[in-house]
């Protein structure tokens, strides 16, 4: 487990994952509409696989990109029924696939995700809820589909992290009675026998 300090939110998390787990020219595939349009600005190619109700907003965002970023970007509508097929069609080309926990419950998601990855590619699953049982079930499903579990990352903002340290220091004298949800959980997976390729750094 590791902790990333950054501004809290899916858009900021997407940018951190792209920066740390991919390089210029790589293909990033995402089902997260938050922050996707920053991906081509960094020189990565991006395919946004989004729900039909998000397509119009995504295409409007695409139209706002400059021509070089537009050339690196593609927006495609998908459903839970055809998402896996779309991932399989990307066979061996994705360096990074970012998604959320709900999407991983799509039929045959994990085997399709594995097929989509390039060597050293990573699936990053962002979870806003703290359901440990659901997280454990997701890891089991990924591993049973042939993925290798790499790491659990806790993503939180620097002020929240500082406050948590201060609270821990005070806990000896006054135990904390309530847990405030102030982070995102991110689970990283890759294909067995490969190590995740590092990105260009923070």
N, C-alpha and C. Protein backbone atom coordinates (compact mmCIF):
# COMPACT_ATOMS: atom_id res chain seq x y z
N UNK A 1 0.84 -1.18 0.00
CA UNK A 1 0.00 0.00 0.00
C UNK A 1 0.88 1.24 0.00
N UNK A 2 0.46 2.26 -0.76
CA UNK A 2 1.17 3.53 -0.73
C UNK A 2 0.16 4.65 -0.73
N UNK A 3 0.63 5.86 -0.42
CA UNK A 3 -0.24 7.04 -0.34
C UNK A 3 0.23 8.06 -1.36
N UNK A 4 -0.71 8.56 -2.16
CA UNK A 4 -0.42 9.65 -3.08
C UNK A 4 -1.10 10.90 -2.55
N UNK A 5 -0.37 11.98 -2.47
CA UNK A 5 -0.96 13.26 -2.06
C UNK A 5 -1.18 14.12 -3.29
N UNK A 6 -2.42 14.49 -3.54
CA UNK A 6 -2.77 15.37 -4.65
C UNK A 6 -4.15 15.92 -4.39
N UNK A 7 -4.59 16.88 -5.20
CA UNK A 7 -5.94 17.40 -5.04
C UNK A 7 -6.94 16.25 -5.21
N UNK A 8 -7.91 16.19 -4.32
CA UNK A 8 -8.80 15.04 -4.28
C UNK A 8 -9.90 15.16 -5.34
N UNK A 9 -10.10 14.11 -6.12
CA UNK A 9 -11.14 14.08 -7.14
C UNK A 9 -10.73 13.18 -8.29
N UNK A 10 -11.73 12.69 -9.05
CA UNK A 10 -11.43 11.76 -10.13
C UNK A 10 -10.61 12.41 -11.24
N UNK A 11 -10.86 13.68 -11.55
CA UNK A 11 -10.09 14.34 -12.61
C UNK A 11 -8.62 14.42 -12.25
N UNK A 12 -8.34 14.83 -11.04
CA UNK A 12 -6.94 14.94 -10.59
C UNK A 12 -6.30 13.57 -10.49
N UNK A 13 -7.06 12.59 -10.05
CA UNK A 13 -6.54 11.23 -9.95
C UNK A 13 -6.20 10.69 -11.33
N UNK A 14 -7.07 10.93 -12.30
CA UNK A 14 -6.80 10.49 -13.67
C UNK A 14 -5.46 11.06 -14.17
N UNK A 15 -5.24 12.34 -13.92
CA UNK A 15 -4.00 12.98 -14.37
C UNK A 15 -2.78 12.36 -13.69
N UNK A 16 -2.90 12.07 -12.39
CA UNK A 16 -1.78 11.46 -11.66
C UNK A 16 -1.48 10.07 -12.19
N UNK A 17 -2.51 9.29 -12.46
CA UNK A 17 -2.31 7.93 -12.99
C UNK A 17 -1.64 7.98 -14.36
N UNK A 18 -2.11 8.87 -15.22
CA UNK A 18 -1.52 9.01 -16.56
C UNK A 18 -0.06 9.40 -16.46
N UNK A 19 0.24 10.34 -15.60
CA UNK A 19 1.61 10.83 -15.44
C UNK A 19 2.54 9.74 -14.90
N UNK A 20 2.05 8.97 -13.94
CA UNK A 20 2.91 8.01 -13.25
C UNK A 20 2.98 6.63 -13.92
N UNK A 21 1.99 6.31 -14.76
CA UNK A 21 1.91 4.95 -15.28
C UNK A 21 1.91 4.87 -16.81
N UNK A 22 2.20 5.98 -17.49
CA UNK A 22 2.28 5.96 -18.94
C UNK A 22 3.31 6.98 -19.41
N UNK A 23 3.64 6.91 -20.68
CA UNK A 23 4.60 7.83 -21.27
C UNK A 23 4.02 8.43 -22.55
N UNK A 24 4.67 9.47 -23.05
CA UNK A 24 4.21 10.11 -24.29
C UNK A 24 4.12 9.07 -25.40
N UNK A 25 3.05 9.14 -26.17
CA UNK A 25 2.84 8.20 -27.26
C UNK A 25 2.07 6.96 -26.87
N UNK A 26 1.96 6.67 -25.57
CA UNK A 26 1.21 5.49 -25.11
C UNK A 26 -0.28 5.68 -25.33
N UNK A 27 -1.00 4.55 -25.39
CA UNK A 27 -2.45 4.60 -25.46
C UNK A 27 -3.03 4.45 -24.06
N UNK A 28 -3.85 5.41 -23.68
CA UNK A 28 -4.60 5.37 -22.42
C UNK A 28 -6.06 5.15 -22.77
N UNK A 29 -6.65 4.12 -22.19
CA UNK A 29 -8.06 3.85 -22.36
C UNK A 29 -8.75 4.14 -21.04
N UNK A 30 -9.87 4.84 -21.08
CA UNK A 30 -10.52 5.19 -19.83
C UNK A 30 -12.03 5.14 -19.96
N UNK A 31 -12.68 4.76 -18.87
CA UNK A 31 -14.13 4.88 -18.78
C UNK A 31 -14.50 6.03 -17.85
N UNK A 32 -13.51 6.77 -17.38
CA UNK A 32 -13.73 7.89 -16.47
C UNK A 32 -13.82 9.18 -17.28
N UNK A 33 -14.99 9.78 -17.32
CA UNK A 33 -15.15 11.01 -18.10
C UNK A 33 -14.44 12.19 -17.45
N UNK A 34 -14.18 12.10 -16.15
CA UNK A 34 -13.50 13.19 -15.45
C UNK A 34 -12.01 13.20 -15.81
N UNK A 35 -11.55 14.32 -16.33
CA UNK A 35 -10.11 14.49 -16.57
C UNK A 35 -9.57 13.88 -17.84
N UNK A 36 -10.40 13.24 -18.66
CA UNK A 36 -9.87 12.55 -19.84
C UNK A 36 -9.27 13.52 -20.86
N UNK A 37 -9.82 14.72 -20.98
CA UNK A 37 -9.35 15.61 -22.04
C UNK A 37 -7.97 16.19 -21.76
N UNK A 38 -7.46 16.01 -20.53
CA UNK A 38 -6.08 16.42 -20.24
C UNK A 38 -5.07 15.41 -20.77
N UNK A 39 -5.52 14.18 -21.05
CA UNK A 39 -4.60 13.12 -21.47
C UNK A 39 -3.89 13.44 -22.78
N UNK A 40 -4.59 13.84 -23.86
CA UNK A 40 -3.88 14.10 -25.11
C UNK A 40 -2.98 15.33 -25.04
N UNK A 41 -3.27 16.23 -24.13
CA UNK A 41 -2.42 17.42 -23.98
C UNK A 41 -1.03 17.01 -23.51
N UNK A 42 -0.92 15.85 -22.84
CA UNK A 42 0.38 15.36 -22.37
C UNK A 42 1.08 14.49 -23.42
N UNK A 43 0.50 14.39 -24.62
CA UNK A 43 1.13 13.63 -25.69
C UNK A 43 0.77 12.16 -25.72
N UNK A 44 -0.16 11.73 -24.87
CA UNK A 44 -0.66 10.36 -24.92
C UNK A 44 -1.86 10.29 -25.86
N UNK A 45 -2.07 9.12 -26.43
CA UNK A 45 -3.31 8.86 -27.15
C UNK A 45 -4.37 8.43 -26.14
N UNK A 46 -5.62 8.76 -26.39
CA UNK A 46 -6.66 8.40 -25.43
C UNK A 46 -7.92 7.94 -26.16
N UNK A 47 -8.51 6.88 -25.64
CA UNK A 47 -9.84 6.42 -26.07
C UNK A 47 -10.73 6.49 -24.84
N UNK A 48 -11.77 7.34 -24.91
CA UNK A 48 -12.76 7.43 -23.85
C UNK A 48 -13.93 6.54 -24.21
N UNK A 49 -14.16 5.50 -23.41
CA UNK A 49 -15.30 4.61 -23.58
C UNK A 49 -16.36 5.06 -22.58
N UNK A 50 -17.36 5.76 -23.05
CA UNK A 50 -18.29 6.39 -22.11
C UNK A 50 -19.72 5.92 -22.32
N UNK A 51 -20.52 6.10 -21.27
CA UNK A 51 -21.94 5.77 -21.35
C UNK A 51 -22.63 6.72 -22.32
N UNK A 52 -23.69 6.24 -22.94
CA UNK A 52 -24.35 7.01 -24.00
C UNK A 52 -24.79 8.39 -23.52
N UNK A 53 -25.20 8.50 -22.27
CA UNK A 53 -25.65 9.79 -21.76
C UNK A 53 -24.50 10.78 -21.57
N UNK A 54 -23.26 10.29 -21.63
CA UNK A 54 -22.10 11.17 -21.48
C UNK A 54 -21.47 11.56 -22.82
N UNK A 55 -21.96 10.96 -23.90
CA UNK A 55 -21.31 11.14 -25.21
C UNK A 55 -21.34 12.58 -25.67
N UNK A 56 -22.49 13.24 -25.57
CA UNK A 56 -22.60 14.61 -26.08
C UNK A 56 -21.63 15.54 -25.36
N UNK A 57 -21.58 15.45 -24.04
CA UNK A 57 -20.66 16.30 -23.27
C UNK A 57 -19.21 15.99 -23.64
N UNK A 58 -18.89 14.70 -23.83
CA UNK A 58 -17.53 14.31 -24.18
C UNK A 58 -17.16 14.83 -25.57
N UNK A 59 -18.08 14.77 -26.51
CA UNK A 59 -17.78 15.26 -27.86
C UNK A 59 -17.66 16.77 -27.89
N UNK A 60 -18.44 17.44 -27.06
CA UNK A 60 -18.30 18.89 -26.94
C UNK A 60 -16.92 19.24 -26.37
N UNK A 61 -16.48 18.48 -25.38
CA UNK A 61 -15.14 18.69 -24.82
C UNK A 61 -14.07 18.43 -25.87
N UNK A 62 -14.26 17.37 -26.68
CA UNK A 62 -13.31 17.04 -27.74
C UNK A 62 -13.20 18.19 -28.74
N UNK A 63 -14.33 18.81 -29.08
CA UNK A 63 -14.33 19.93 -30.03
C UNK A 63 -13.57 21.13 -29.48
N UNK A 64 -13.46 21.22 -28.16
CA UNK A 64 -12.72 22.32 -27.55
C UNK A 64 -11.21 22.12 -27.51
N UNK A 65 -10.75 20.92 -27.87
CA UNK A 65 -9.31 20.65 -27.89
C UNK A 65 -8.69 21.23 -29.16
N UNK A 66 -7.38 21.51 -29.10
CA UNK A 66 -6.72 21.93 -30.33
C UNK A 66 -6.57 20.74 -31.27
N UNK A 67 -6.23 21.00 -32.52
CA UNK A 67 -6.25 19.94 -33.53
C UNK A 67 -5.27 18.82 -33.23
N UNK A 68 -4.13 19.14 -32.63
CA UNK A 68 -3.16 18.07 -32.31
C UNK A 68 -3.71 17.16 -31.22
N UNK A 69 -4.39 17.73 -30.21
CA UNK A 69 -4.98 16.91 -29.15
C UNK A 69 -6.18 16.12 -29.68
N UNK A 70 -6.95 16.72 -30.59
CA UNK A 70 -8.07 16.00 -31.20
C UNK A 70 -7.58 14.77 -31.95
N UNK A 71 -6.44 14.91 -32.62
CA UNK A 71 -5.90 13.78 -33.40
C UNK A 71 -5.48 12.62 -32.51
N UNK A 72 -5.21 12.90 -31.24
CA UNK A 72 -4.79 11.86 -30.28
C UNK A 72 -5.96 11.28 -29.50
N UNK A 73 -7.18 11.77 -29.75
CA UNK A 73 -8.33 11.43 -28.91
C UNK A 73 -9.45 10.79 -29.71
N UNK A 74 -10.18 9.89 -29.03
CA UNK A 74 -11.36 9.28 -29.62
C UNK A 74 -12.40 9.06 -28.53
N UNK A 75 -13.63 9.40 -28.82
CA UNK A 75 -14.74 9.20 -27.89
C UNK A 75 -15.66 8.14 -28.48
N UNK A 76 -15.95 7.09 -27.72
CA UNK A 76 -16.80 6.00 -28.20
C UNK A 76 -17.86 5.65 -27.16
N UNK A 77 -19.12 5.61 -27.57
CA UNK A 77 -20.16 5.18 -26.63
C UNK A 77 -20.11 3.67 -26.43
N UNK A 78 -20.28 3.24 -25.19
CA UNK A 78 -20.33 1.80 -24.89
C UNK A 78 -21.43 1.55 -23.88
N UNK A 79 -21.82 0.29 -23.78
CA UNK A 79 -22.76 -0.14 -22.75
C UNK A 79 -22.07 -1.22 -21.92
N UNK A 80 -22.69 -1.61 -20.82
CA UNK A 80 -22.09 -2.68 -20.01
C UNK A 80 -22.05 -3.99 -20.79
N UNK A 81 -22.93 -4.12 -21.78
CA UNK A 81 -22.97 -5.35 -22.57
C UNK A 81 -21.86 -5.42 -23.62
N UNK A 82 -21.46 -4.28 -24.21
CA UNK A 82 -20.45 -4.34 -25.27
C UNK A 82 -19.08 -3.79 -24.88
N UNK A 83 -18.93 -3.37 -23.63
CA UNK A 83 -17.64 -2.84 -23.19
C UNK A 83 -16.53 -3.86 -23.35
N UNK A 84 -16.78 -5.09 -22.94
CA UNK A 84 -15.74 -6.11 -23.03
C UNK A 84 -15.32 -6.36 -24.47
N UNK A 85 -16.26 -6.37 -25.38
CA UNK A 85 -15.94 -6.55 -26.80
C UNK A 85 -15.05 -5.43 -27.30
N UNK A 86 -15.36 -4.22 -26.88
CA UNK A 86 -14.55 -3.06 -27.31
C UNK A 86 -13.13 -3.17 -26.77
N UNK A 87 -13.00 -3.62 -25.52
CA UNK A 87 -11.66 -3.79 -24.95
C UNK A 87 -10.87 -4.87 -25.69
N UNK A 88 -11.53 -5.97 -26.00
CA UNK A 88 -10.85 -7.05 -26.73
C UNK A 88 -10.36 -6.56 -28.08
N UNK A 89 -11.12 -5.66 -28.72
CA UNK A 89 -10.71 -5.11 -30.02
C UNK A 89 -9.45 -4.27 -29.93
N UNK A 90 -9.09 -3.84 -28.72
CA UNK A 90 -7.87 -3.04 -28.52
C UNK A 90 -6.66 -3.93 -28.21
N UNK A 91 -6.78 -5.20 -28.48
CA UNK A 91 -5.82 -6.22 -28.06
C UNK A 91 -4.37 -5.77 -28.08
N UNK A 92 -3.74 -5.85 -26.89
CA UNK A 92 -2.31 -5.61 -26.76
C UNK A 92 -1.85 -4.19 -26.97
N UNK A 93 -2.76 -3.21 -26.93
CA UNK A 93 -2.36 -1.85 -27.28
C UNK A 93 -2.44 -0.84 -26.14
N UNK A 94 -3.16 -1.13 -25.07
CA UNK A 94 -3.35 -0.15 -24.00
C UNK A 94 -2.23 -0.23 -22.96
N UNK A 95 -1.58 0.88 -22.72
CA UNK A 95 -0.58 0.94 -21.66
C UNK A 95 -1.24 1.16 -20.31
N UNK A 96 -2.36 1.88 -20.33
CA UNK A 96 -3.07 2.17 -19.09
C UNK A 96 -4.56 2.15 -19.36
N UNK A 97 -5.30 1.45 -18.50
CA UNK A 97 -6.76 1.43 -18.53
C UNK A 97 -7.24 1.93 -17.19
N UNK A 98 -7.94 3.07 -17.18
CA UNK A 98 -8.46 3.62 -15.93
C UNK A 98 -9.97 3.46 -15.92
N UNK A 99 -10.50 3.04 -14.77
CA UNK A 99 -11.93 2.79 -14.68
C UNK A 99 -12.36 2.90 -13.22
N UNK A 100 -13.63 2.61 -12.97
CA UNK A 100 -14.12 2.61 -11.60
C UNK A 100 -14.63 1.22 -11.23
N UNK A 101 -14.94 1.03 -9.97
CA UNK A 101 -15.31 -0.30 -9.49
C UNK A 101 -16.59 -0.81 -10.14
N UNK A 102 -17.56 0.08 -10.37
CA UNK A 102 -18.82 -0.35 -10.97
C UNK A 102 -18.60 -0.93 -12.36
N UNK A 103 -17.70 -0.34 -13.13
CA UNK A 103 -17.44 -0.80 -14.49
C UNK A 103 -16.84 -2.19 -14.50
N UNK A 104 -16.05 -2.52 -13.49
CA UNK A 104 -15.42 -3.85 -13.45
C UNK A 104 -16.43 -4.97 -13.29
N UNK A 105 -17.66 -4.62 -12.94
CA UNK A 105 -18.70 -5.64 -12.79
C UNK A 105 -19.39 -5.96 -14.12
N UNK A 106 -18.98 -5.28 -15.20
CA UNK A 106 -19.51 -5.60 -16.53
C UNK A 106 -19.11 -7.02 -16.90
N UNK A 107 -19.91 -7.66 -17.71
CA UNK A 107 -19.67 -9.05 -18.08
C UNK A 107 -18.30 -9.22 -18.74
N UNK A 108 -17.53 -10.19 -18.24
CA UNK A 108 -16.21 -10.55 -18.78
C UNK A 108 -15.23 -9.39 -18.81
N UNK A 109 -15.44 -8.40 -17.91
CA UNK A 109 -14.56 -7.22 -17.92
C UNK A 109 -13.10 -7.59 -17.77
N UNK A 110 -12.78 -8.42 -16.75
CA UNK A 110 -11.37 -8.62 -16.42
C UNK A 110 -10.60 -9.37 -17.50
N UNK A 111 -11.19 -10.36 -18.10
CA UNK A 111 -10.49 -11.06 -19.17
C UNK A 111 -10.30 -10.15 -20.37
N UNK A 112 -11.30 -9.30 -20.65
CA UNK A 112 -11.17 -8.35 -21.75
C UNK A 112 -10.12 -7.29 -21.45
N UNK A 113 -10.09 -6.83 -20.21
CA UNK A 113 -9.09 -5.84 -19.81
C UNK A 113 -7.68 -6.41 -19.98
N UNK A 114 -7.51 -7.65 -19.58
CA UNK A 114 -6.20 -8.29 -19.73
C UNK A 114 -5.79 -8.35 -21.20
N UNK A 115 -6.73 -8.69 -22.07
CA UNK A 115 -6.45 -8.77 -23.50
C UNK A 115 -6.05 -7.41 -24.07
N UNK A 116 -6.65 -6.35 -23.55
CA UNK A 116 -6.40 -5.00 -24.09
C UNK A 116 -5.02 -4.46 -23.76
N UNK A 117 -4.37 -5.00 -22.73
CA UNK A 117 -3.12 -4.40 -22.24
C UNK A 117 -1.92 -4.74 -23.10
N UNK A 118 -1.06 -3.74 -23.28
CA UNK A 118 0.27 -3.94 -23.84
C UNK A 118 1.15 -4.56 -22.74
N UNK A 119 2.30 -5.15 -23.09
CA UNK A 119 3.20 -5.66 -22.06
C UNK A 119 3.57 -4.56 -21.05
N UNK A 120 3.43 -4.88 -19.77
CA UNK A 120 3.69 -3.89 -18.74
C UNK A 120 2.56 -2.92 -18.50
N UNK A 121 1.44 -3.13 -19.21
CA UNK A 121 0.29 -2.25 -19.05
C UNK A 121 -0.40 -2.45 -17.72
N UNK A 122 -1.18 -1.45 -17.33
CA UNK A 122 -1.80 -1.44 -15.99
C UNK A 122 -3.28 -1.12 -16.11
N UNK A 123 -4.08 -1.83 -15.31
CA UNK A 123 -5.47 -1.46 -15.07
C UNK A 123 -5.52 -0.78 -13.71
N UNK A 124 -6.04 0.44 -13.68
CA UNK A 124 -6.18 1.18 -12.43
C UNK A 124 -7.66 1.38 -12.15
N UNK A 125 -8.11 0.86 -11.01
CA UNK A 125 -9.53 0.94 -10.63
C UNK A 125 -9.68 1.91 -9.47
N UNK A 126 -10.42 2.99 -9.69
CA UNK A 126 -10.65 4.00 -8.66
C UNK A 126 -11.95 3.70 -7.94
N UNK A 127 -11.91 3.73 -6.62
CA UNK A 127 -13.08 3.42 -5.80
C UNK A 127 -13.32 4.56 -4.82
N UNK A 128 -14.53 5.12 -4.87
CA UNK A 128 -14.85 6.21 -3.95
C UNK A 128 -15.42 5.70 -2.64
N UNK A 129 -15.89 4.46 -2.62
CA UNK A 129 -16.46 3.91 -1.40
C UNK A 129 -15.46 3.05 -0.64
N UNK A 130 -15.61 2.96 0.65
CA UNK A 130 -14.66 2.21 1.47
C UNK A 130 -15.12 0.82 1.84
N UNK A 131 -15.76 0.11 0.91
CA UNK A 131 -16.29 -1.22 1.19
C UNK A 131 -15.19 -2.26 1.02
N UNK A 132 -14.57 -2.66 2.12
CA UNK A 132 -13.44 -3.58 2.06
C UNK A 132 -13.83 -4.93 1.46
N UNK A 133 -15.03 -5.40 1.76
CA UNK A 133 -15.48 -6.69 1.21
C UNK A 133 -15.61 -6.61 -0.31
N UNK A 134 -16.14 -5.51 -0.81
CA UNK A 134 -16.28 -5.33 -2.26
C UNK A 134 -14.91 -5.23 -2.91
N UNK A 135 -13.99 -4.55 -2.26
CA UNK A 135 -12.62 -4.45 -2.79
C UNK A 135 -11.98 -5.83 -2.88
N UNK A 136 -12.14 -6.62 -1.83
CA UNK A 136 -11.55 -7.97 -1.82
C UNK A 136 -12.16 -8.84 -2.91
N UNK A 137 -13.48 -8.71 -3.10
CA UNK A 137 -14.15 -9.48 -4.15
C UNK A 137 -13.64 -9.07 -5.54
N UNK A 138 -13.44 -7.78 -5.76
CA UNK A 138 -12.92 -7.30 -7.03
C UNK A 138 -11.53 -7.86 -7.30
N UNK A 139 -10.69 -7.87 -6.29
CA UNK A 139 -9.33 -8.41 -6.45
C UNK A 139 -9.39 -9.90 -6.79
N UNK A 140 -10.24 -10.64 -6.11
CA UNK A 140 -10.38 -12.08 -6.41
C UNK A 140 -10.84 -12.30 -7.85
N UNK A 141 -11.81 -11.50 -8.31
CA UNK A 141 -12.31 -11.64 -9.68
C UNK A 141 -11.22 -11.33 -10.70
N UNK A 142 -10.43 -10.30 -10.42
CA UNK A 142 -9.34 -9.94 -11.33
C UNK A 142 -8.30 -11.05 -11.41
N UNK A 143 -7.91 -11.56 -10.26
CA UNK A 143 -6.89 -12.61 -10.21
C UNK A 143 -7.40 -13.89 -10.87
N UNK A 144 -8.66 -14.21 -10.65
CA UNK A 144 -9.21 -15.44 -11.25
C UNK A 144 -9.31 -15.32 -12.77
N UNK A 145 -9.32 -14.07 -13.29
CA UNK A 145 -9.35 -13.86 -14.74
C UNK A 145 -7.94 -13.76 -15.33
N UNK A 146 -6.93 -13.96 -14.47
CA UNK A 146 -5.56 -13.98 -14.98
C UNK A 146 -4.78 -12.70 -14.78
N UNK A 147 -5.32 -11.75 -14.03
CA UNK A 147 -4.59 -10.51 -13.75
C UNK A 147 -3.70 -10.70 -12.52
N UNK A 148 -2.68 -9.90 -12.43
CA UNK A 148 -1.82 -9.89 -11.24
C UNK A 148 -2.09 -8.60 -10.46
N UNK A 149 -2.39 -8.77 -9.17
CA UNK A 149 -2.64 -7.62 -8.30
C UNK A 149 -1.30 -7.00 -7.94
N UNK A 150 -1.19 -5.68 -8.15
CA UNK A 150 0.08 -4.99 -7.94
C UNK A 150 0.10 -4.20 -6.64
N UNK A 151 -0.91 -3.35 -6.44
CA UNK A 151 -0.81 -2.41 -5.33
C UNK A 151 -2.15 -1.76 -5.02
N UNK A 152 -2.31 -1.38 -3.77
CA UNK A 152 -3.43 -0.56 -3.32
C UNK A 152 -2.87 0.82 -2.99
N UNK A 153 -3.40 1.83 -3.67
CA UNK A 153 -2.95 3.21 -3.46
C UNK A 153 -4.06 3.99 -2.78
N UNK A 154 -3.72 4.73 -1.76
CA UNK A 154 -4.66 5.66 -1.14
C UNK A 154 -4.33 7.05 -1.66
N UNK A 155 -5.28 7.64 -2.36
CA UNK A 155 -5.07 8.96 -2.96
C UNK A 155 -5.83 9.99 -2.14
N UNK A 156 -5.10 10.96 -1.64
CA UNK A 156 -5.71 11.99 -0.80
C UNK A 156 -4.99 13.31 -1.01
N UNK A 157 -5.62 14.40 -0.61
CA UNK A 157 -4.99 15.70 -0.77
C UNK A 157 -3.94 15.92 0.32
N UNK A 158 -2.95 16.73 0.02
CA UNK A 158 -1.89 17.00 1.00
C UNK A 158 -2.45 17.58 2.30
N UNK A 159 -3.38 18.57 2.29
CA UNK A 159 -3.92 19.06 3.56
C UNK A 159 -4.63 17.97 4.36
N UNK A 160 -5.37 17.09 3.66
CA UNK A 160 -6.05 15.99 4.37
C UNK A 160 -5.03 15.04 4.97
N UNK A 161 -3.96 14.76 4.21
CA UNK A 161 -2.91 13.89 4.72
C UNK A 161 -2.25 14.49 5.96
N UNK A 162 -1.96 15.79 5.92
CA UNK A 162 -1.38 16.46 7.08
C UNK A 162 -2.32 16.40 8.29
N UNK A 163 -3.61 16.61 8.03
CA UNK A 163 -4.59 16.57 9.10
C UNK A 163 -4.68 15.16 9.69
N UNK A 164 -4.59 14.14 8.82
CA UNK A 164 -4.66 12.76 9.30
C UNK A 164 -3.49 12.43 10.21
N UNK A 165 -2.31 12.90 9.83
CA UNK A 165 -1.12 12.68 10.66
C UNK A 165 -1.30 13.36 12.01
N UNK A 166 -1.79 14.61 12.00
CA UNK A 166 -2.02 15.33 13.24
C UNK A 166 -3.06 14.61 14.11
N UNK A 167 -4.12 14.12 13.47
CA UNK A 167 -5.16 13.40 14.21
C UNK A 167 -4.60 12.13 14.82
N UNK A 168 -3.75 11.43 14.07
CA UNK A 168 -3.14 10.20 14.60
C UNK A 168 -2.29 10.52 15.83
N UNK A 169 -1.58 11.65 15.77
CA UNK A 169 -0.74 12.04 16.90
C UNK A 169 -1.59 12.37 18.12
N UNK A 170 -2.80 12.92 17.89
CA UNK A 170 -3.69 13.25 19.01
C UNK A 170 -4.47 12.05 19.52
N UNK A 171 -4.51 10.98 18.73
CA UNK A 171 -5.36 9.84 19.06
C UNK A 171 -4.98 9.16 20.37
N UNK A 172 -3.72 9.27 20.74
CA UNK A 172 -3.28 8.65 22.00
C UNK A 172 -4.03 9.26 23.18
N UNK A 173 -4.24 10.58 23.12
CA UNK A 173 -4.93 11.26 24.21
C UNK A 173 -6.45 11.24 24.03
N UNK A 174 -6.91 11.30 22.76
CA UNK A 174 -8.36 11.36 22.52
C UNK A 174 -8.70 10.53 21.29
N UNK A 175 -9.19 9.30 21.47
CA UNK A 175 -9.51 8.44 20.33
C UNK A 175 -10.49 9.09 19.36
N UNK A 176 -10.30 8.86 18.09
CA UNK A 176 -11.20 9.41 17.07
C UNK A 176 -12.50 8.61 17.08
N UNK A 177 -13.62 9.30 17.16
CA UNK A 177 -14.91 8.62 17.25
C UNK A 177 -15.54 8.41 15.88
N UNK A 178 -15.17 9.21 14.90
CA UNK A 178 -15.84 9.14 13.61
C UNK A 178 -14.82 9.14 12.49
N UNK A 179 -15.08 8.33 11.45
CA UNK A 179 -14.19 8.29 10.29
C UNK A 179 -14.79 9.14 9.18
N UNK A 180 -14.05 10.15 8.71
CA UNK A 180 -14.51 10.98 7.61
C UNK A 180 -13.85 10.49 6.33
N UNK A 181 -14.68 10.20 5.31
CA UNK A 181 -14.16 9.69 4.04
C UNK A 181 -13.46 10.82 3.31
N UNK A 182 -12.15 10.76 3.22
CA UNK A 182 -11.39 11.87 2.63
C UNK A 182 -10.31 11.36 1.69
N UNK A 183 -10.57 10.22 1.05
CA UNK A 183 -9.59 9.70 0.10
C UNK A 183 -10.28 8.81 -0.92
N UNK A 184 -9.56 8.51 -1.99
CA UNK A 184 -10.00 7.54 -2.98
C UNK A 184 -9.08 6.34 -2.89
N UNK A 185 -9.63 5.16 -3.03
CA UNK A 185 -8.83 3.94 -3.10
C UNK A 185 -8.59 3.61 -4.57
N UNK A 186 -7.36 3.28 -4.91
CA UNK A 186 -7.02 2.90 -6.28
C UNK A 186 -6.32 1.54 -6.22
N UNK A 187 -6.80 0.60 -7.03
CA UNK A 187 -6.21 -0.73 -7.09
C UNK A 187 -5.57 -0.93 -8.45
N UNK A 188 -4.31 -1.33 -8.45
CA UNK A 188 -3.54 -1.49 -9.68
C UNK A 188 -3.33 -2.96 -10.00
N UNK A 189 -3.53 -3.31 -11.26
CA UNK A 189 -3.37 -4.68 -11.75
C UNK A 189 -2.56 -4.68 -13.04
N UNK A 190 -1.86 -5.77 -13.30
CA UNK A 190 -1.15 -5.93 -14.56
C UNK A 190 -1.24 -7.39 -14.98
N UNK A 191 -0.59 -7.74 -16.08
CA UNK A 191 -0.61 -9.15 -16.51
C UNK A 191 0.52 -9.89 -15.81
N UNK A 192 0.33 -11.16 -15.48
CA UNK A 192 1.35 -11.93 -14.77
C UNK A 192 2.67 -11.96 -15.55
N UNK A 193 3.76 -11.88 -14.80
CA UNK A 193 5.07 -11.97 -15.42
C UNK A 193 5.60 -10.67 -15.99
N UNK A 194 4.83 -9.57 -15.83
CA UNK A 194 5.31 -8.27 -16.31
C UNK A 194 5.26 -7.28 -15.16
N UNK A 195 6.21 -6.37 -15.14
CA UNK A 195 6.20 -5.31 -14.14
C UNK A 195 5.62 -4.06 -14.78
N UNK A 196 4.79 -3.30 -14.05
CA UNK A 196 4.25 -2.07 -14.62
C UNK A 196 5.36 -1.13 -15.07
N UNK A 197 5.22 -0.58 -16.26
CA UNK A 197 6.21 0.37 -16.77
C UNK A 197 5.97 1.72 -16.14
N UNK A 198 7.02 2.31 -15.63
CA UNK A 198 6.88 3.60 -14.95
C UNK A 198 6.61 4.71 -15.94
N UNK A 199 5.92 5.74 -15.47
CA UNK A 199 5.64 6.91 -16.29
C UNK A 199 6.75 7.92 -16.21
N UNK A 200 6.41 9.15 -16.51
CA UNK A 200 7.43 10.19 -16.60
C UNK A 200 7.63 10.94 -15.29
N UNK A 201 6.93 10.47 -14.23
CA UNK A 201 7.17 11.04 -12.91
C UNK A 201 6.31 12.24 -12.62
N UNK A 202 6.36 12.60 -11.36
CA UNK A 202 5.52 13.72 -10.88
C UNK A 202 6.17 15.05 -11.18
